[in-house]
Amino acid sequence: MSETSAMFKYDEYGNTREIYVYASGLSLHSDPFINRGTAFTKDERQRLGLVAMLPPAVRSLEEQVENSRVKVEAKDSDIERFVYIRSLFDRNVTLAHALIRSDISRYMSIIYTPTVGHACQQYSSMFRSANGLHFHPGNIDQAENVLRRFQQRDIRVAVVTDNQGILGLGDQGAGGIAICLGKLMLYTQGAGIAPWHCLPISLDVGTNNEALLNDHEYLGWRHKRITGDQYIDFIQRFTRAFRNVFPSALCQWEDFSKQNAFAIRDTFLHDLISFNDDIQGTGAVALAAIYTAMRIKREALAEQKFLIHGAGAGGVGIAEQIMVALCAEGMTEEEASRQIFTLDSQGLITTDRDLLPYKQKFAQDPAALDWLQEEQDGQLGNVVKQAGITVLIGTSGQPGCFSKEVVLSLLEHTDRPVVMPLSNPTDHAEAVPADIYSWTRGQALVGTGSPFPDVLHEGRAFSVAQANNVFIFPGVGLGTLASGSRAVLPEFFTAAAGAVSSSVRPAALQDGALLPPVTDLAEVSLKVAQAVGEAAITAGVSRPCAFSSFQHHNDPVRLQRLIRHLRWQPAYLPLVAM
């Protein structure tokens, strides 16, 4: 939206009521927040200077959605469908979101995993229009001035990446902003954060991906990644600018490398309203699946032994969230840590190894493990067998490492093992659900990171639960904003996990489903937001909502009213010609 084309007008809850339009004629078509194409009514065409600029027929939003759906399905591949939907978003955000909402389970796999990974890889070659902001060492000193250009959009959520740890793809340079775009579309779908309140940001500090550096089409900052003090200074410049311009907005860190992810999250915990989705969102959705498994098994969390294979941001984030949940049930951190085993590429993480700081909390004392005598004793299969593991989680990106022998070892410790191969994309999964069900004769409780088809085993259909962070981050964001909290606390994610788990319907529990279907995203996000908001009230960190004149006054009923009315729905808003 240009600085003079329009102005948003809000109701008492902070939701957009109408748009005051200062532009007219052709310029309206270039603003995706105003443009509605063939849905401009005859009256609007007259008032806004659009007479004769469109064919005479007027289509409803529903008719536009159907027309767009046919066009999407006519494409030959999901990456072409991704390009079409993104192009539609660049022309008409309301129509794009109405299309996605019409079949969220279908379109989420196009705008996000797994298709978005291909979009990251092909970002430069298929670039069509600028989306979001690209800060690099050549312009970071102008960050505050650049951000101020977006103040009239009342930015409420920004998704920020340095592009280094994309899905299972690693360093994708400038292409990583496609992840931010996808996440923010899901913020709108789940939490109802209007598209104009969302800002995708790439912190382009270079790339170590030689293929990109040698690609003449590459659009990013063509240098090796900056590191050390230079990197820290860059991040500090950005956070200072963001805090100065948008002090009440939520900043979601996305796809940073392992150590940087933890360091940035912890360093700016009190400077920004921020969290790291790869760490905390992943941890919370995994915990939600575990909570549901406990409901099915009718067992306590404290009775389980957990093994997380893959000690990156996601794996350690899951370990952190399990620890928070165990402590909430009465354990000390020391007691909880003895229940959680973590493995990296060298095997079991133990205190006698030279470890990066983020791994140290979950290092086991080898002296306390009489079965750990030689180096090979710390490998996956032996740890599962000797440590009595009942919950096995994969974040390693090592396809097939959850072998038949490993999975069958779980049955020595529990009748209903929980097996969660969470690595993305699909071909990186530690095991295939069909195999897990077959090996365990349908006894396993399974969750995956990527979408898998339903599994038919011995005449019984199993719907494979996708442990997608989308069940967590939109609701956490909405609950944080509505509650007015100036920090995103660990307790918020425990509350979010409980809300997601409680959204699994009783009939689905009987079928072993660990998470609700994606079709329930909007309703689940509402429950998560309410749980997070109430957690903020309980923790004493809630404040007046910065984006609404209606306030919750620490009353859960008023909070619920605010959360529900703050959400934008993909429908055309009244346009007032000025």
Protein backbone atom coordinates (compact mmCIF):
# COMPACT_ATOMS: atom_id res chain seq x y z
CA MET A 1 0.00 0.00 0.00
CA SER A 2 1.41 3.38 -0.95
CA GLU A 3 1.66 6.12 1.67
CA THR A 4 -1.23 8.09 0.17
CA SER A 5 -3.53 5.51 -1.42
CA ALA A 6 -5.61 4.49 1.61
CA MET A 7 -6.05 4.49 5.37
CA PHE A 8 -7.38 1.69 7.57
CA LYS A 9 -10.13 2.48 10.05
CA TYR A 10 -10.59 0.18 13.05
CA ASP A 11 -13.43 -0.73 15.38
CA GLU A 12 -13.11 -0.79 19.17
CA TYR A 13 -11.52 -4.24 19.09
CA GLY A 14 -8.78 -3.20 16.68
CA ASN A 15 -10.23 -5.04 13.70
CA THR A 16 -10.38 -3.23 10.36
CA ARG A 17 -13.84 -1.77 9.86
CA GLU A 18 -13.39 0.00 6.51
CA ILE A 19 -10.74 1.42 4.23
CA TYR A 20 -10.60 5.11 3.32
CA VAL A 21 -9.42 5.28 -0.28
CA TYR A 22 -7.52 8.32 -1.54
CA ALA A 23 -6.50 6.88 -4.91
CA SER A 24 -8.72 6.19 -7.90
CA GLY A 25 -8.74 4.50 -11.27
CA LEU A 26 -5.82 2.34 -12.35
CA SER A 27 -3.81 2.98 -9.19
CA LEU A 28 -6.36 0.92 -7.21
CA HIS A 29 -5.39 -2.18 -9.16
CA SER A 30 -1.79 -1.92 -7.93
CA ASP A 31 -2.74 -2.03 -4.25
CA PRO A 32 -3.48 -5.65 -3.22
CA PHE A 33 -5.19 -4.55 0.00
CA ILE A 34 -7.77 -2.50 -1.92
CA ASN A 35 -8.02 -4.24 -5.28
CA ARG A 36 -10.90 -6.65 -5.71
CA GLY A 37 -10.83 -7.03 -9.49
CA THR A 38 -14.13 -8.08 -10.97
CA ALA A 39 -15.78 -7.90 -7.52
CA PHE A 40 -15.88 -4.09 -7.54
CA THR A 41 -19.60 -3.29 -7.51
CA LYS A 42 -21.17 -0.91 -10.01
CA ASP A 43 -21.45 1.72 -7.29
CA GLU A 44 -17.78 1.29 -6.31
CA ARG A 45 -16.70 1.54 -9.94
CA GLN A 46 -18.54 4.83 -10.19
CA ARG A 47 -17.23 6.26 -6.90
CA LEU A 48 -13.63 5.10 -7.35
CA GLY A 49 -13.06 6.12 -10.96
CA LEU A 50 -13.20 2.59 -12.39
CA VAL A 51 -15.92 3.10 -14.99
CA ALA A 52 -15.04 1.21 -18.22
CA MET A 53 -11.81 -0.12 -16.65
CA LEU A 54 -13.34 -3.53 -15.99
CA PRO A 55 -15.67 -5.83 -17.95
CA PRO A 56 -19.30 -5.01 -17.11
CA ALA A 57 -20.11 -8.23 -15.20
CA VAL A 58 -19.65 -8.21 -11.43
CA ARG A 59 -18.49 -11.38 -9.66
CA SER A 60 -19.03 -12.18 -6.00
CA LEU A 61 -16.08 -13.23 -3.84
CA GLU A 62 -17.44 -16.78 -3.88
CA GLU A 63 -17.48 -16.79 -7.68
CA GLN A 64 -13.94 -15.43 -7.76
CA VAL A 65 -12.80 -18.19 -5.39
CA GLU A 66 -14.29 -20.86 -7.62
CA ASN A 67 -12.73 -19.30 -10.72
CA SER A 68 -9.35 -19.19 -9.00
CA ARG A 69 -9.69 -22.76 -7.74
CA VAL A 70 -10.16 -24.04 -11.27
CA LYS A 71 -7.09 -22.13 -12.43
CA VAL A 72 -4.98 -23.49 -9.57
CA GLU A 73 -5.94 -27.08 -10.24
CA ALA A 74 -5.17 -26.67 -13.93
CA LYS A 75 -1.50 -26.09 -13.10
CA ASP A 76 0.89 -28.98 -13.74
CA SER A 77 2.73 -28.93 -10.41
CA ASP A 78 2.49 -27.64 -6.86
CA ILE A 79 5.32 -25.17 -7.43
CA GLU A 80 3.29 -23.66 -10.29
CA ARG A 81 0.29 -23.57 -7.96
CA PHE A 82 2.47 -21.81 -5.38
CA VAL A 83 3.45 -19.19 -7.95
CA TYR A 84 -0.19 -18.65 -8.91
CA ILE A 85 -1.39 -18.20 -5.33
CA ARG A 86 1.49 -15.87 -4.48
CA SER A 87 0.77 -13.83 -7.62
CA LEU A 88 -2.89 -13.70 -6.64
CA PHE A 89 -1.86 -12.50 -3.18
CA ASP A 90 0.20 -9.73 -4.80
CA ARG A 91 -2.92 -8.58 -6.68
CA ASN A 92 -5.75 -9.24 -4.22
CA VAL A 93 -4.97 -10.43 -0.69
CA THR A 94 -8.62 -10.94 0.27
CA LEU A 95 -9.28 -13.26 -2.65
CA ALA A 96 -6.05 -15.16 -2.04
CA HIS A 97 -6.97 -15.79 1.59
CA ALA A 98 -10.57 -16.66 0.75
CA LEU A 99 -9.24 -19.24 -1.72
CA ILE A 100 -6.88 -20.75 0.86
CA ARG A 101 -9.59 -20.83 3.50
CA SER A 102 -11.95 -22.67 1.12
CA ASP A 103 -9.72 -25.78 1.42
CA ILE A 104 -7.04 -25.12 4.03
CA SER A 105 -5.72 -28.69 4.12
CA ARG A 106 -5.17 -28.66 0.35
CA TYR A 107 -3.70 -25.19 0.01
CA MET A 108 -1.53 -25.24 3.14
CA SER A 109 0.66 -27.88 1.49
CA ILE A 110 1.14 -25.44 -1.40
CA ILE A 111 1.76 -22.18 0.44
CA TYR A 112 3.81 -23.92 3.13
CA THR A 113 5.38 -27.36 3.62
CA PRO A 114 6.41 -29.13 1.53
CA THR A 115 6.10 -26.87 -1.56
CA VAL A 116 7.60 -23.78 0.09
CA GLY A 117 10.93 -25.59 0.30
CA HIS A 118 11.08 -25.73 -3.50
CA ALA A 119 10.08 -22.06 -3.59
CA CYS A 120 13.08 -21.20 -1.40
CA GLN A 121 15.40 -23.07 -3.74
CA GLN A 122 13.97 -21.43 -6.85
CA TYR A 123 13.38 -17.99 -5.35
CA SER A 124 15.74 -16.02 -7.62
CA SER A 125 14.86 -17.79 -10.85
CA MET A 126 11.11 -17.39 -10.38
CA PHE A 127 11.15 -13.93 -8.77
CA ARG A 128 8.15 -11.86 -9.88
CA SER A 129 7.60 -9.09 -7.37
CA ALA A 130 9.12 -7.77 -4.17
CA ASN A 131 7.65 -9.14 -0.95
CA GLY A 132 8.70 -8.02 2.49
CA LEU A 133 11.99 -6.42 3.45
CA HIS A 134 15.54 -7.48 2.65
CA PHE A 135 18.11 -6.02 5.05
CA HIS A 136 21.78 -6.67 4.30
CA PRO A 137 25.08 -5.11 5.43
CA GLY A 138 24.75 -2.47 2.74
CA ASN A 139 21.46 -1.06 4.05
CA ILE A 140 21.10 -2.15 7.69
CA ASP A 141 22.04 1.37 8.87
CA GLN A 142 18.78 2.57 7.26
CA ALA A 143 16.62 -0.09 8.96
CA GLU A 144 14.70 2.28 11.20
CA ASN A 145 13.78 4.66 8.38
CA VAL A 146 12.73 1.74 6.18
CA LEU A 147 10.54 0.24 8.91
CA ARG A 148 8.83 3.58 9.53
CA ARG A 149 7.40 3.42 6.01
CA PHE A 150 5.20 0.58 7.26
CA GLN A 151 3.83 2.34 10.35
CA GLN A 152 0.52 3.17 8.69
CA ARG A 153 -0.08 -0.57 8.28
CA ASP A 154 -0.05 -0.94 12.08
CA ILE A 155 2.35 -3.90 11.96
CA ARG A 156 1.47 -6.48 14.59
CA VAL A 157 3.52 -9.54 13.57
CA ALA A 158 6.84 -9.86 11.76
CA VAL A 159 8.45 -13.16 10.81
CA VAL A 160 12.21 -12.69 10.57
CA THR A 161 14.85 -15.06 9.20
CA ASP A 162 18.56 -15.01 8.41
CA ASN A 163 17.90 -17.82 5.90
CA GLN A 164 20.47 -20.27 7.27
CA GLY A 165 18.41 -23.19 8.58
CA ILE A 166 15.58 -23.61 6.08
CA LEU A 167 13.46 -26.72 6.70
CA GLY A 168 15.69 -29.69 5.84
CA LEU A 169 17.46 -27.64 3.17
CA GLY A 170 19.94 -25.56 5.16
CA ASP A 171 21.33 -22.27 3.87
CA GLN A 172 19.09 -20.87 1.13
CA GLY A 173 20.29 -17.27 1.12
CA ALA A 174 17.73 -14.70 0.05
CA GLY A 175 15.25 -17.46 -0.81
CA GLY A 176 14.50 -18.00 2.87
CA ILE A 177 12.01 -15.13 2.84
CA ALA A 178 9.53 -17.51 1.18
CA ILE A 179 9.24 -19.22 4.57
CA CYS A 180 8.34 -15.90 6.19
CA LEU A 181 5.69 -15.27 3.55
CA GLY A 182 4.16 -18.70 4.12
CA LYS A 183 4.19 -18.38 7.92
CA LEU A 184 2.45 -15.02 7.78
CA MET A 185 -0.26 -16.36 5.48
CA LEU A 186 -0.86 -18.98 8.17
CA TYR A 187 -0.97 -16.27 10.85
CA THR A 188 -3.85 -14.81 8.87
CA GLN A 189 -5.57 -18.14 8.31
CA GLY A 190 -5.22 -19.31 11.90
CA ALA A 191 -5.17 -16.20 14.08
CA GLY A 192 -6.91 -13.75 11.78
CA ILE A 193 -4.02 -11.28 11.78
CA ALA A 194 -4.94 -9.17 8.75
CA PRO A 195 -2.37 -9.29 5.92
CA TRP A 196 -1.64 -5.57 6.19
CA HIS A 197 -0.55 -6.10 9.81
CA CYS A 198 2.05 -8.70 8.75
CA LEU A 199 5.65 -8.04 7.71
CA PRO A 200 8.10 -10.65 6.33
CA ILE A 201 11.76 -9.74 6.87
CA SER A 202 14.96 -11.31 5.54
CA LEU A 203 18.22 -10.53 7.34
CA ASP A 204 20.48 -11.27 4.39
CA VAL A 205 23.93 -11.64 5.94
CA GLY A 206 25.28 -13.55 2.95
CA THR A 207 25.30 -17.25 2.15
CA ASN A 208 27.76 -20.12 2.30
CA ASN A 209 25.78 -22.00 -0.31
CA GLU A 210 28.28 -22.21 -3.17
CA ALA A 211 25.59 -23.08 -5.69
CA LEU A 212 23.87 -19.78 -4.95
CA LEU A 213 27.08 -17.75 -4.96
CA ASN A 214 27.93 -19.18 -8.39
CA ASP A 215 24.42 -18.71 -9.81
CA HIS A 216 24.31 -15.62 -12.02
CA GLU A 217 20.55 -15.31 -11.31
CA TYR A 218 21.00 -15.19 -7.52
CA LEU A 219 19.34 -12.06 -6.10
CA GLY A 220 20.76 -12.05 -2.58
CA TRP A 221 23.78 -10.29 -1.07
CA ARG A 222 26.51 -12.17 -2.94
CA HIS A 223 29.03 -12.67 -0.14
CA LYS A 224 30.02 -15.34 2.35
CA ARG A 225 28.02 -15.16 5.58
CA ILE A 226 29.25 -12.64 8.08
CA THR A 227 30.03 -14.12 11.50
CA GLY A 228 31.26 -13.21 14.97
CA ASP A 229 31.07 -9.59 16.10
CA GLN A 230 30.02 -8.42 12.64
CA TYR A 231 26.98 -10.73 12.71
CA ILE A 232 26.09 -9.75 16.28
CA ASP A 233 26.29 -6.05 15.40
CA PHE A 234 24.01 -6.61 12.40
CA ILE A 235 21.38 -8.39 14.51
CA GLN A 236 21.58 -5.71 17.20
CA ARG A 237 21.06 -2.96 14.62
CA PHE A 238 17.95 -4.68 13.34
CA THR A 239 16.43 -5.41 16.75
CA ARG A 240 17.07 -1.84 17.91
CA ALA A 241 15.33 -0.46 14.82
CA PHE A 242 12.40 -2.87 15.09
CA ARG A 243 11.87 -2.12 18.80
CA ASN A 244 11.97 1.62 18.18
CA VAL A 245 9.41 1.51 15.36
CA PHE A 246 7.13 -1.35 16.46
CA PRO A 247 7.47 -1.66 20.25
CA SER A 248 4.18 -3.55 20.62
CA ALA A 249 4.58 -5.91 17.65
CA LEU A 250 5.50 -9.58 17.89
CA CYS A 251 8.77 -10.69 16.28
CA GLN A 252 8.95 -14.37 15.36
CA TRP A 253 12.48 -15.63 14.69
CA GLU A 254 12.55 -18.27 11.99
CA ASP A 255 15.11 -20.68 10.50
CA PHE A 256 18.30 -19.48 12.17
CA SER A 257 21.21 -21.88 12.64
CA LYS A 258 21.24 -23.91 15.85
CA GLN A 259 23.51 -21.82 18.08
CA ASN A 260 22.35 -18.48 16.66
CA ALA A 261 18.71 -19.49 17.19
CA PHE A 262 19.20 -20.00 20.93
CA ALA A 263 21.56 -17.06 21.39
CA ILE A 264 19.21 -14.58 19.64
CA ARG A 265 16.11 -15.87 21.40
CA ASP A 266 17.72 -15.57 24.83
CA THR A 267 19.59 -12.30 24.21
CA PHE A 268 16.52 -10.35 23.09
CA LEU A 269 14.00 -12.03 25.37
CA HIS A 270 13.33 -8.77 27.23
CA ASP A 271 14.12 -6.31 24.43
CA LEU A 272 11.47 -7.54 22.00
CA ILE A 273 8.17 -9.35 22.22
CA SER A 274 9.64 -12.36 20.48
CA PHE A 275 10.03 -16.12 20.30
CA ASN A 276 11.73 -18.68 18.08
CA ASP A 277 9.26 -20.91 16.28
CA ASP A 278 11.80 -23.62 15.42
CA ILE A 279 12.63 -24.00 19.11
CA GLN A 280 9.44 -23.17 20.97
CA GLY A 281 6.78 -23.79 18.36
CA THR A 282 8.26 -27.18 17.53
CA GLY A 283 8.55 -27.99 21.22
CA ALA A 284 4.94 -27.07 21.90
CA VAL A 285 3.38 -29.02 19.03
CA ALA A 286 5.42 -32.09 19.94
CA LEU A 287 4.29 -31.71 23.56
CA ALA A 288 0.68 -31.39 22.38
CA ALA A 289 0.99 -34.74 20.59
CA ILE A 290 2.57 -36.28 23.70
CA TYR A 291 -0.21 -34.92 25.92
CA THR A 292 -2.76 -36.56 23.62
CA ALA A 293 -0.82 -39.83 23.67
CA MET A 294 -0.98 -39.76 27.47
CA ARG A 295 -4.75 -39.35 27.27
CA ILE A 296 -4.96 -42.38 24.99
CA LYS A 297 -2.54 -44.45 27.08
CA ARG A 298 -4.04 -43.17 30.34
CA GLU A 299 -0.55 -42.70 31.71
CA ALA A 300 1.26 -39.77 33.29
CA LEU A 301 3.93 -37.74 31.59
CA ALA A 302 6.27 -38.47 34.51
CA GLU A 303 6.06 -42.20 33.78
CA GLN A 304 7.68 -41.80 30.35
CA LYS A 305 11.27 -41.92 29.16
CA PHE A 306 11.92 -39.63 26.21
CA LEU A 307 14.56 -39.89 23.49
CA ILE A 308 15.06 -37.07 20.99
CA HIS A 309 17.24 -38.05 18.06
CA GLY A 310 18.61 -34.82 16.61
CA ALA A 311 19.89 -32.05 18.87
CA GLY A 312 19.32 -29.02 16.67
CA ALA A 313 17.00 -26.12 17.45
CA GLY A 314 13.87 -28.25 17.06
CA GLY A 315 15.14 -31.22 19.04
CA VAL A 316 16.44 -29.21 21.97
CA GLY A 317 13.29 -27.08 21.83
CA ILE A 318 11.21 -30.24 22.29
CA ALA A 319 13.43 -31.30 25.19
CA GLU A 320 12.98 -27.85 26.77
CA GLN A 321 9.22 -28.00 26.46
CA ILE A 322 9.01 -31.52 27.90
CA MET A 323 11.11 -30.34 30.83
CA VAL A 324 8.84 -27.33 31.44
CA ALA A 325 5.81 -29.66 31.38
CA LEU A 326 7.42 -32.17 33.77
CA CYS A 327 8.36 -29.37 36.15
CA ALA A 328 4.79 -28.05 36.00
CA GLU A 329 3.72 -31.50 37.25
CA GLY A 330 6.02 -31.28 40.27
CA MET A 331 9.44 -32.48 39.14
CA THR A 332 12.64 -30.54 39.67
CA GLU A 333 14.69 -29.67 36.59
CA GLU A 334 17.31 -32.20 37.65
CA GLU A 335 14.71 -34.96 37.97
CA ALA A 336 13.11 -34.03 34.66
CA SER A 337 16.43 -33.98 32.80
CA ARG A 338 17.07 -37.60 33.83
CA GLN A 339 13.91 -38.59 31.92
CA ILE A 340 15.03 -36.90 28.67
CA PHE A 341 17.78 -38.38 26.48
CA THR A 342 19.13 -36.45 23.49
CA LEU A 343 21.29 -37.74 20.65
CA ASP A 344 23.30 -35.88 18.02
CA SER A 345 25.53 -37.15 15.22
CA GLN A 346 28.05 -38.46 17.75
CA GLY A 347 25.51 -40.36 19.81
CA LEU A 348 24.13 -39.79 23.30
CA ILE A 349 24.86 -36.31 24.62
CA THR A 350 26.76 -36.67 27.89
CA THR A 351 28.47 -34.31 30.34
CA ASP A 352 31.96 -35.61 29.51
CA ARG A 353 31.75 -34.23 25.96
CA ASP A 354 32.74 -30.77 24.73
CA LEU A 355 29.28 -29.32 24.04
CA LEU A 356 27.81 -26.15 22.63
CA PRO A 357 25.92 -24.22 25.34
CA TYR A 358 22.44 -25.04 24.09
CA LYS A 359 23.09 -28.80 24.40
CA GLN A 360 24.47 -28.76 27.94
CA LYS A 361 21.15 -28.69 29.81
CA PHE A 362 20.18 -32.15 28.58
CA ALA A 363 23.57 -33.87 28.81
CA GLN A 364 23.38 -37.12 30.80
CA ASP A 365 25.95 -38.01 33.45
CA PRO A 366 27.65 -41.15 32.10
CA ALA A 367 28.53 -42.25 35.65
CA ALA A 368 24.80 -42.66 36.33
CA LEU A 369 24.30 -44.98 33.35
CA ASP A 370 25.91 -48.35 34.08
CA TRP A 371 25.09 -49.56 30.58
CA LEU A 372 27.13 -46.78 28.96
CA GLN A 373 30.62 -48.27 28.85
CA GLU A 374 31.87 -47.86 25.29
CA GLU A 375 31.30 -45.31 22.52
CA GLN A 376 28.90 -47.52 20.58
CA ASP A 377 26.71 -47.88 23.67
CA GLY A 378 25.52 -44.32 23.09
CA GLN A 379 24.08 -45.06 19.66
CA LEU A 380 20.35 -44.92 18.92
CA GLY A 381 19.40 -48.60 19.12
CA ASN A 382 21.22 -49.26 22.39
CA VAL A 383 19.92 -46.13 24.12
CA VAL A 384 16.33 -47.03 23.22
CA LYS A 385 16.84 -50.51 24.62
CA GLN A 386 18.84 -49.70 27.75
CA ALA A 387 17.22 -46.43 28.84
CA GLY A 388 13.67 -47.81 28.71
CA ILE A 389 12.48 -45.31 26.11
CA THR A 390 8.71 -45.05 25.61
CA VAL A 391 8.56 -41.85 23.52
CA LEU A 392 10.85 -41.66 20.48
CA ILE A 393 11.12 -38.36 18.59
CA GLY A 394 13.13 -37.71 15.44
CA THR A 395 14.49 -34.31 14.43
CA SER A 396 17.72 -35.60 12.85
CA GLY A 397 16.89 -35.37 9.16
CA GLN A 398 18.28 -38.92 8.81
CA PRO A 399 15.77 -40.90 6.72
CA GLY A 400 15.14 -44.45 7.86
CA CYS A 401 17.14 -44.26 11.10
CA PHE A 402 14.08 -45.43 13.07
CA SER A 403 14.52 -48.98 11.84
CA LYS A 404 12.31 -51.97 12.57
CA GLU A 405 14.70 -53.10 15.32
CA VAL A 406 14.68 -49.69 16.98
CA VAL A 407 10.91 -49.40 16.93
CA LEU A 408 10.37 -52.96 18.18
CA SER A 409 12.68 -52.19 21.12
CA LEU A 410 10.13 -49.66 22.31
CA LEU A 411 7.58 -52.45 22.75
CA GLU A 412 9.81 -53.92 25.46
CA HIS A 413 8.99 -50.89 27.63
CA THR A 414 5.40 -50.00 26.70
CA ASP A 415 2.39 -51.48 24.94
CA ARG A 416 1.68 -48.18 23.17
CA PRO A 417 4.95 -46.56 22.09
CA VAL A 418 4.89 -42.98 20.85
CA VAL A 419 6.92 -42.62 17.64
CA MET A 420 7.29 -39.20 16.06
CA PRO A 421 9.52 -38.89 12.97
CA LEU A 422 9.32 -35.10 12.67
CA SER A 423 12.03 -34.24 10.16
CA ASN A 424 10.97 -32.27 7.07
CA PRO A 425 10.53 -32.60 4.17
CA THR A 426 8.87 -36.00 3.70
CA ASP A 427 11.92 -37.77 2.32
CA HIS A 428 13.92 -36.81 5.44
CA ALA A 429 11.53 -38.53 7.85
CA GLU A 430 13.18 -40.98 10.24
CA ALA A 431 10.54 -43.61 9.41
CA VAL A 432 7.44 -44.01 7.28
CA PRO A 433 4.16 -44.24 9.23
CA ALA A 434 2.98 -47.30 7.29
CA ASP A 435 6.08 -49.19 8.44
CA ILE A 436 5.69 -48.11 12.07
CA TYR A 437 2.09 -49.30 12.19
CA SER A 438 3.05 -52.56 10.49
CA TRP A 439 6.00 -53.29 12.81
CA THR A 440 3.98 -52.57 15.95
CA ARG A 441 0.76 -54.21 14.70
CA GLY A 442 -1.06 -50.91 14.98
CA GLN A 443 -0.06 -50.29 18.58
CA ALA A 444 2.18 -47.27 17.99
CA LEU A 445 0.91 -43.73 18.38
CA VAL A 446 2.39 -41.83 15.45
CA GLY A 447 2.99 -38.19 14.62
CA THR A 448 5.01 -36.81 11.72
CA GLY A 449 6.45 -33.47 10.69
CA SER A 450 5.36 -33.62 7.06
CA PRO A 451 1.94 -34.65 5.75
CA PHE A 452 1.55 -38.38 5.10
CA PRO A 453 -1.49 -40.17 3.67
CA ASP A 454 -3.77 -42.24 5.88
CA VAL A 455 -2.56 -45.75 6.59
CA LEU A 456 -4.73 -48.86 6.29
CA HIS A 457 -3.45 -51.66 8.54
CA GLU A 458 -5.31 -54.94 9.00
CA GLY A 459 -8.57 -53.36 7.95
CA ARG A 460 -8.20 -50.36 10.26
CA ALA A 461 -7.63 -46.83 9.00
CA PHE A 462 -5.09 -44.65 10.80
CA SER A 463 -5.05 -40.90 10.18
CA VAL A 464 -1.44 -39.80 10.57
CA ALA A 465 -1.16 -36.75 12.82
CA GLN A 466 0.99 -33.98 11.37
CA ALA A 467 2.89 -32.20 14.13
CA ASN A 468 2.88 -28.91 12.32
CA ASN A 469 3.83 -25.72 14.18
CA VAL A 470 0.85 -24.05 12.52
CA PHE A 471 -1.25 -25.32 15.43
CA ILE A 472 0.93 -23.27 17.80
CA PHE A 473 2.40 -20.03 16.49
CA PRO A 474 -0.74 -18.24 15.19
CA GLY A 475 -2.54 -18.73 18.50
CA VAL A 476 0.53 -17.87 20.57
CA GLY A 477 0.88 -14.67 18.58
CA LEU A 478 -2.78 -13.70 18.90
CA GLY A 479 -2.90 -14.54 22.61
CA THR A 480 0.25 -12.54 23.30
CA LEU A 481 -1.00 -9.49 21.41
CA ALA A 482 -4.49 -9.58 22.93
CA SER A 483 -3.18 -10.07 26.47
CA GLY A 484 -0.76 -7.16 26.08
CA SER A 485 2.13 -9.26 27.40
CA ARG A 486 5.55 -7.71 26.79
CA ALA A 487 7.26 -11.12 26.78
CA VAL A 488 6.52 -14.57 25.39
CA LEU A 489 7.00 -16.88 28.38
CA PRO A 490 7.79 -20.63 28.32
CA GLU A 491 4.49 -21.18 30.12
CA PHE A 492 2.68 -19.83 27.07
CA PHE A 493 3.83 -22.81 25.04
CA THR A 494 2.81 -25.31 27.70
CA ALA A 495 -0.63 -23.69 27.71
CA ALA A 496 -0.71 -23.78 23.90
CA ALA A 497 0.20 -27.49 23.86
CA GLY A 498 -2.62 -28.27 26.28
CA ALA A 499 -5.11 -26.31 24.17
CA VAL A 500 -4.09 -28.12 20.99
CA SER A 501 -4.31 -31.52 22.65
CA SER A 502 -7.74 -30.74 24.08
CA SER A 503 -8.91 -29.97 20.53
CA VAL A 504 -8.57 -33.62 19.47
CA ARG A 505 -12.10 -35.01 19.34
CA PRO A 506 -13.01 -38.15 21.34
CA ALA A 507 -13.74 -40.20 18.21
CA ALA A 508 -10.32 -39.29 16.83
CA LEU A 509 -8.68 -40.37 20.10
CA GLN A 510 -10.10 -43.84 19.58
CA ASP A 511 -8.32 -43.95 16.22
CA GLY A 512 -5.01 -42.94 17.80
CA ALA A 513 -4.98 -39.38 16.41
CA LEU A 514 -2.51 -37.22 18.33
CA LEU A 515 -3.43 -33.84 16.87
CA PRO A 516 -6.52 -32.20 15.39
CA PRO A 517 -6.94 -31.98 11.60
CA VAL A 518 -5.68 -28.91 9.78
CA THR A 519 -9.27 -28.14 8.81
CA ASP A 520 -9.80 -27.12 12.45
CA LEU A 521 -6.94 -24.60 12.35
CA ALA A 522 -8.99 -21.45 12.97
CA GLU A 523 -10.87 -22.91 15.93
CA VAL A 524 -7.72 -24.46 17.41
CA SER A 525 -5.91 -21.12 17.09
CA LEU A 526 -8.72 -19.45 19.05
CA LYS A 527 -8.35 -21.99 21.86
CA VAL A 528 -4.58 -21.56 21.88
CA ALA A 529 -4.89 -17.76 21.97
CA GLN A 530 -7.30 -17.95 24.91
CA ALA A 531 -5.02 -20.36 26.80
CA VAL A 532 -1.98 -18.17 26.16
CA GLY A 533 -3.84 -15.02 27.20
CA GLU A 534 -5.01 -16.63 30.43
CA ALA A 535 -1.45 -17.85 31.08
CA ALA A 536 -0.28 -14.24 30.73
CA ILE A 537 -2.91 -13.14 33.26
CA THR A 538 -1.91 -15.91 35.69
CA ALA A 539 1.78 -15.05 35.33
CA GLY A 540 1.07 -11.38 36.02
CA VAL A 541 2.51 -10.16 32.71
CA SER A 542 -0.71 -9.12 30.96
CA ARG A 543 -1.24 -5.46 30.12
CA PRO A 544 -3.72 -3.42 28.06
CA CYS A 545 -3.80 -4.54 24.43
CA ALA A 546 -1.90 -1.97 22.34
CA PHE A 547 -4.11 -2.53 19.29
CA SER A 548 -7.57 -2.21 20.80
CA SER A 549 -9.57 0.33 22.79
CA PHE A 550 -11.60 -2.56 24.25
CA GLN A 551 -9.58 -4.01 27.13
CA HIS A 552 -9.68 -7.38 28.88
CA HIS A 553 -9.05 -6.03 32.43
CA ASN A 554 -7.57 -9.46 33.29
CA ASP A 555 -11.03 -10.99 32.90
CA PRO A 556 -10.92 -14.25 30.85
CA VAL A 557 -14.45 -13.61 29.53
CA ARG A 558 -13.53 -10.15 28.25
CA LEU A 559 -10.26 -11.58 26.90
CA GLN A 560 -12.20 -14.16 24.92
CA ARG A 561 -14.43 -11.44 23.49
CA LEU A 562 -11.42 -9.38 22.48
CA ILE A 563 -9.64 -12.34 20.86
CA ARG A 564 -12.67 -13.32 18.81
CA HIS A 565 -13.41 -9.80 17.60
CA LEU A 566 -9.79 -8.92 16.87
CA ARG A 567 -9.63 -11.53 14.10
CA TRP A 568 -9.95 -10.50 10.44
CA GLN A 569 -11.96 -12.69 8.06
CA PRO A 570 -11.25 -12.82 4.31
CA ALA A 571 -14.17 -10.74 3.09
CA TYR A 572 -14.18 -7.48 1.15
CA LEU A 573 -14.32 -4.45 3.43
CA PRO A 574 -16.29 -1.29 2.72
CA LEU A 575 -14.32 1.24 0.67
CA VAL A 576 -14.91 4.90 1.44
CA ALA A 577 -13.82 7.26 -1.34
CA MET A 578 -12.08 10.35 -0.02
